[in-house]
Amino acid sequence: MAAYWDFRKILDVDPDGDRTCVGIAKTYGRRCKNPISVPDRNTASRLLSQMDRSKSYTRAEEDIQKLAALMLCKGVHNCQSRPHLSQVNEVYRDWLSLAEEEYVHVQKQRDRAARLRTQRELAQLRDSARDEVERNAEERVYIS
C-alpha cells in the first residue's frame, strides 16, 4: 500500500536519522541531547511507517501519543520516577496540532479537487446537451 501521509515531514521527526530526545532541556533553552534507545527508535520508525499508510486520522491521533513517548528520553523527559519533568503531553499536543493543520490542508485540497471534477463533468454535460440540441435543430431543418 502506498503512503498516504508523511508524518516524518509533518512532525519533523526521523527516528532513523535523529538519535536524540525531541524534548526541550528548559534549563538550557535548547533541545535535549539525551539519546533515544535503538529499540525505541526502531519502534518509532515502524509506527511512523504504519501511520503513513493509514488513512484513518483518528488512528493517527492515538499513535502520535505513542510516538511522543518513544521519542522522549527515558532518563528525563519520559521518566516514570520524575513525572513532573515529563513532556509527553506537551510534545503530543504540539504534534497533534501539526497533524490537524495537515489534515485540514489535505481536506481542503480534496474538496477543491472534487469541486473541479464536478465542474468539468458539468461542463461536459452542458457541451453534450448543447451538441444534442444543435443536432436536433439540424434534423428538424433537414426534415422540413
C-alpha atoms as a PDB file:
ATOM      1  CA  MET A   1       0.000   0.000   0.000  1.00  0.00           C
ATOM      2  CA  ALA A   2       1.315   3.433  -0.900  1.00  0.00           C
ATOM      3  CA  ALA A   3       1.997   6.070   1.736  1.00  0.00           C
ATOM      4  CA  TYR A   4      -0.964   8.296   2.416  1.00  0.00           C
ATOM      5  CA  TRP A   5       0.739  10.705   4.832  1.00  0.00           C
ATOM      6  CA  ASP A   6       4.329  11.706   5.522  1.00  0.00           C
ATOM      7  CA  PHE A   7       4.399  12.057   9.292  1.00  0.00           C
ATOM      8  CA  ARG A   8       8.191  12.301   9.389  1.00  0.00           C
ATOM      9  CA  LYS A   9       7.857  15.533   7.441  1.00  0.00           C
ATOM     10  CA  ILE A  10       4.653  16.741   9.112  1.00  0.00           C
ATOM     11  CA  LEU A  11       6.020  16.261  12.644  1.00  0.00           C
ATOM     12  CA  ASP A  12       9.656  16.984  11.725  1.00  0.00           C
ATOM     13  CA  VAL A  13      10.843  13.770  13.356  1.00  0.00           C
ATOM     14  CA  ASP A  14      13.004  10.979  11.948  1.00  0.00           C
ATOM     15  CA  PRO A  15      13.954   8.197  14.348  1.00  0.00           C
ATOM     16  CA  ASP A  16      16.141   6.620  11.636  1.00  0.00           C
ATOM     17  CA  GLY A  17      18.370   9.662  11.368  1.00  0.00           C
ATOM     18  CA  ASP A  18      17.911  11.528  14.629  1.00  0.00           C
ATOM     19  CA  ARG A  19      19.099   9.684  17.695  1.00  0.00           C
ATOM     20  CA  THR A  20      18.289  12.253  20.381  1.00  0.00           C
ATOM     21  CA  CYS A  21      15.296  13.167  22.503  1.00  0.00           C
ATOM     22  CA  VAL A  22      12.716  15.522  20.972  1.00  0.00           C
ATOM     23  CA  GLY A  23      12.141  17.153  24.364  1.00  0.00           C
ATOM     24  CA  ILE A  24      13.321  20.592  25.393  1.00  0.00           C
ATOM     25  CA  ALA A  25      16.022  20.994  28.028  1.00  0.00           C
ATOM     26  CA  LYS A  26      14.314  24.013  29.552  1.00  0.00           C
ATOM     27  CA  THR A  27      17.222  24.892  31.835  1.00  0.00           C
ATOM     28  CA  TYR A  28      19.427  25.238  28.742  1.00  0.00           C
ATOM     29  CA  GLY A  29      16.782  26.627  26.390  1.00  0.00           C
ATOM     30  CA  ARG A  30      17.509  24.054  23.688  1.00  0.00           C
ATOM     31  CA  ARG A  31      16.559  20.623  22.506  1.00  0.00           C
ATOM     32  CA  CYS A  32      17.573  17.751  24.768  1.00  0.00           C
ATOM     33  CA  LYS A  33      20.705  15.892  23.701  1.00  0.00           C
ATOM     34  CA  ASN A  34      19.952  12.665  25.575  1.00  0.00           C
ATOM     35  CA  PRO A  35      19.953   9.591  23.338  1.00  0.00           C
ATOM     36  CA  ILE A  36      16.886   7.544  22.471  1.00  0.00           C
ATOM     37  CA  SER A  37      17.411   3.794  22.700  1.00  0.00           C
ATOM     38  CA  VAL A  38      17.739   1.803  19.485  1.00  0.00           C
ATOM     39  CA  PRO A  39      14.667  -0.329  20.304  1.00  0.00           C
ATOM     40  CA  ASP A  40      12.560   2.810  20.892  1.00  0.00           C
ATOM     41  CA  ARG A  41      13.811   4.415  17.656  1.00  0.00           C
ATOM     42  CA  ASN A  42      13.093   1.220  15.720  1.00  0.00           C
ATOM     43  CA  THR A  43       9.601   1.001  17.202  1.00  0.00           C
ATOM     44  CA  ALA A  44       9.022   4.692  16.431  1.00  0.00           C
ATOM     45  CA  SER A  45      10.169   4.196  12.843  1.00  0.00           C
ATOM     46  CA  ARG A  46       7.799   1.257  12.348  1.00  0.00           C
ATOM     47  CA  LEU A  47       4.994   3.235  13.964  1.00  0.00           C
ATOM     48  CA  LEU A  48       5.599   6.192  11.636  1.00  0.00           C
ATOM     49  CA  SER A  49       5.559   3.890   8.606  1.00  0.00           C
ATOM     50  CA  GLN A  50       2.297   2.371   9.810  1.00  0.00           C
ATOM     51  CA  MET A  51       0.838   5.839  10.392  1.00  0.00           C
ATOM     52  CA  ASP A  52       1.872   6.932   6.894  1.00  0.00           C
ATOM     53  CA  ARG A  53      -0.024   4.035   5.313  1.00  0.00           C
ATOM     54  CA  SER A  54      -3.210   4.515   7.321  1.00  0.00           C
ATOM     55  CA  LYS A  55      -5.980   6.742   6.022  1.00  0.00           C
ATOM     56  CA  SER A  56      -7.517   6.984   9.491  1.00  0.00           C
ATOM     57  CA  TYR A  57      -6.842  10.345  11.088  1.00  0.00           C
ATOM     58  CA  THR A  58      -8.358   9.126  14.370  1.00  0.00           C
ATOM     59  CA  ARG A  59      -5.844   6.279  14.464  1.00  0.00           C
ATOM     60  CA  ALA A  60      -3.026   8.736  13.790  1.00  0.00           C
ATOM     61  CA  GLU A  61      -4.116  10.832  16.785  1.00  0.00           C
ATOM     62  CA  GLU A  62      -3.761   7.766  19.019  1.00  0.00           C
ATOM     63  CA  ASP A  63      -0.400   6.836  17.523  1.00  0.00           C
ATOM     64  CA  ILE A  64       1.024  10.338  17.937  1.00  0.00           C
ATOM     65  CA  GLN A  65       0.898   9.963  21.714  1.00  0.00           C
ATOM     66  CA  LYS A  66       2.728   6.615  21.498  1.00  0.00           C
ATOM     67  CA  LEU A  67       5.275   8.216  19.180  1.00  0.00           C
ATOM     68  CA  ALA A  68       5.865  11.119  21.554  1.00  0.00           C
ATOM     69  CA  ALA A  69       6.548   8.703  24.419  1.00  0.00           C
ATOM     70  CA  LEU A  70       9.006   6.744  22.248  1.00  0.00           C
ATOM     71  CA  MET A  71      10.911   9.810  21.068  1.00  0.00           C
ATOM     72  CA  LEU A  72      11.471  11.311  24.535  1.00  0.00           C
ATOM     73  CA  CYS A  73      14.401  10.200  26.663  1.00  0.00           C
ATOM     74  CA  LYS A  74      13.536   7.816  29.492  1.00  0.00           C
ATOM     75  CA  GLY A  75      16.051   9.498  31.770  1.00  0.00           C
ATOM     76  CA  VAL A  76      14.328  12.884  31.971  1.00  0.00           C
ATOM     77  CA  HIS A  77      11.517  13.769  29.565  1.00  0.00           C
ATOM     78  CA  ASN A  78       9.625  10.479  29.812  1.00  0.00           C
ATOM     79  CA  CYS A  79      10.826   9.248  33.183  1.00  0.00           C
ATOM     80  CA  GLN A  80       8.283   7.371  35.302  1.00  0.00           C
ATOM     81  CA  SER A  81      10.065   8.280  38.538  1.00  0.00           C
ATOM     82  CA  ARG A  82      10.075  12.030  37.694  1.00  0.00           C
ATOM     83  CA  PRO A  83       6.654  12.679  36.134  1.00  0.00           C
ATOM     84  CA  HIS A  84       6.946  16.420  36.796  1.00  0.00           C
ATOM     85  CA  LEU A  85       9.606  16.553  34.049  1.00  0.00           C
ATOM     86  CA  SER A  86       7.547  14.581  31.541  1.00  0.00           C
ATOM     87  CA  GLN A  87       6.986  16.299  28.203  1.00  0.00           C
ATOM     88  CA  VAL A  88       4.904  13.528  26.633  1.00  0.00           C
ATOM     89  CA  ASN A  89       1.668  15.518  26.770  1.00  0.00           C
ATOM     90  CA  GLU A  90       3.366  18.702  25.600  1.00  0.00           C
ATOM     91  CA  VAL A  91       5.003  17.029  22.588  1.00  0.00           C
ATOM     92  CA  TYR A  92       1.759  15.174  21.871  1.00  0.00           C
ATOM     93  CA  ARG A  93      -0.234  18.429  21.815  1.00  0.00           C
ATOM     94  CA  ASP A  94       2.338  20.139  19.576  1.00  0.00           C
ATOM     95  CA  TRP A  95       2.439  17.210  17.148  1.00  0.00           C
ATOM     96  CA  LEU A  96      -1.329  16.820  17.201  1.00  0.00           C
ATOM     97  CA  SER A  97      -1.657  20.484  16.249  1.00  0.00           C
ATOM     98  CA  LEU A  98       0.715  19.958  13.309  1.00  0.00           C
ATOM     99  CA  ALA A  99      -1.201  16.849  12.223  1.00  0.00           C
ATOM    100  CA  GLU A 100      -4.521  18.704  12.465  1.00  0.00           C
ATOM    101  CA  GLU A 101      -3.165  21.503  10.275  1.00  0.00           C
ATOM    102  CA  GLU A 102      -2.065  18.961   7.678  1.00  0.00           C
ATOM    103  CA  TYR A 103      -5.397  17.131   7.876  1.00  0.00           C
ATOM    104  CA  VAL A 104      -7.327  20.369   7.278  1.00  0.00           C
ATOM    105  CA  HIS A 105      -4.986  21.239   4.405  1.00  0.00           C
ATOM    106  CA  VAL A 106      -5.460  17.804   2.800  1.00  0.00           C
ATOM    107  CA  GLN A 107      -9.236  18.002   3.243  1.00  0.00           C
ATOM    108  CA  LYS A 108      -9.314  21.426   1.566  1.00  0.00           C
ATOM    109  CA  GLN A 109      -7.255  20.078  -1.335  1.00  0.00           C
ATOM    110  CA  ARG A 110      -9.599  17.106  -1.720  1.00  0.00           C
ATOM    111  CA  ASP A 111     -12.668  19.327  -1.577  1.00  0.00           C
ATOM    112  CA  ARG A 112     -11.171  21.646  -4.195  1.00  0.00           C
ATOM    113  CA  ALA A 113     -10.281  18.693  -6.433  1.00  0.00           C
ATOM    114  CA  ALA A 114     -13.823  17.311  -6.069  1.00  0.00           C
ATOM    115  CA  ARG A 115     -15.311  20.698  -6.976  1.00  0.00           C
ATOM    116  CA  LEU A 116     -13.059  20.905 -10.045  1.00  0.00           C
ATOM    117  CA  ARG A 117     -14.069  17.385 -11.130  1.00  0.00           C
ATOM    118  CA  THR A 118     -17.723  18.282 -10.701  1.00  0.00           C
ATOM    119  CA  GLN A 119     -17.268  21.483 -12.693  1.00  0.00           C
ATOM    120  CA  ARG A 120     -15.537  19.566 -15.510  1.00  0.00           C
ATOM    121  CA  GLU A 121     -18.282  16.938 -15.541  1.00  0.00           C
ATOM    122  CA  LEU A 122     -20.984  19.627 -15.623  1.00  0.00           C
ATOM    123  CA  ALA A 123     -19.182  21.403 -18.451  1.00  0.00           C
ATOM    124  CA  GLN A 124     -19.013  18.129 -20.409  1.00  0.00           C
ATOM    125  CA  LEU A 125     -22.726  17.502 -19.822  1.00  0.00           C
ATOM    126  CA  ARG A 126     -23.536  21.078 -20.875  1.00  0.00           C
ATOM    127  CA  ASP A 127     -21.450  20.674 -24.048  1.00  0.00           C
ATOM    128  CA  SER A 128     -23.088  17.324 -24.814  1.00  0.00           C
ATOM    129  CA  ALA A 129     -26.544  18.794 -24.268  1.00  0.00           C
ATOM    130  CA  ARG A 130     -25.718  21.769 -26.496  1.00  0.00           C
ATOM    131  CA  ASP A 131     -24.426  19.409 -29.223  1.00  0.00           C
ATOM    132  CA  GLU A 132     -27.606  17.323 -28.934  1.00  0.00           C
ATOM    133  CA  VAL A 133     -29.805  20.415 -29.212  1.00  0.00           C
ATOM    134  CA  GLU A 134     -27.855  21.512 -32.312  1.00  0.00           C
ATOM    135  CA  ARG A 135     -28.194  18.047 -33.892  1.00  0.00           C
ATOM    136  CA  ASN A 136     -31.936  18.029 -33.191  1.00  0.00           C
ATOM    137  CA  ALA A 137     -32.268  21.515 -34.689  1.00  0.00           C
ATOM    138  CA  GLU A 138     -30.377  20.414 -37.807  1.00  0.00           C
ATOM    139  CA  GLU A 139     -32.586  17.323 -38.135  1.00  0.00           C
ATOM    140  CA  ARG A 140     -35.733  19.471 -37.904  1.00  0.00           C
ATOM    141  CA  VAL A 141     -34.398  21.804 -40.608  1.00  0.00           C
ATOM    142  CA  TYR A 142     -33.458  18.850 -42.804  1.00  0.00           C
ATOM    143  CA  ILE A 143     -36.849  17.166 -42.335  1.00  0.00           C
ATOM    144  CA  SER A 144     -38.802  20.356 -43.053  1.00  0.00           C
END
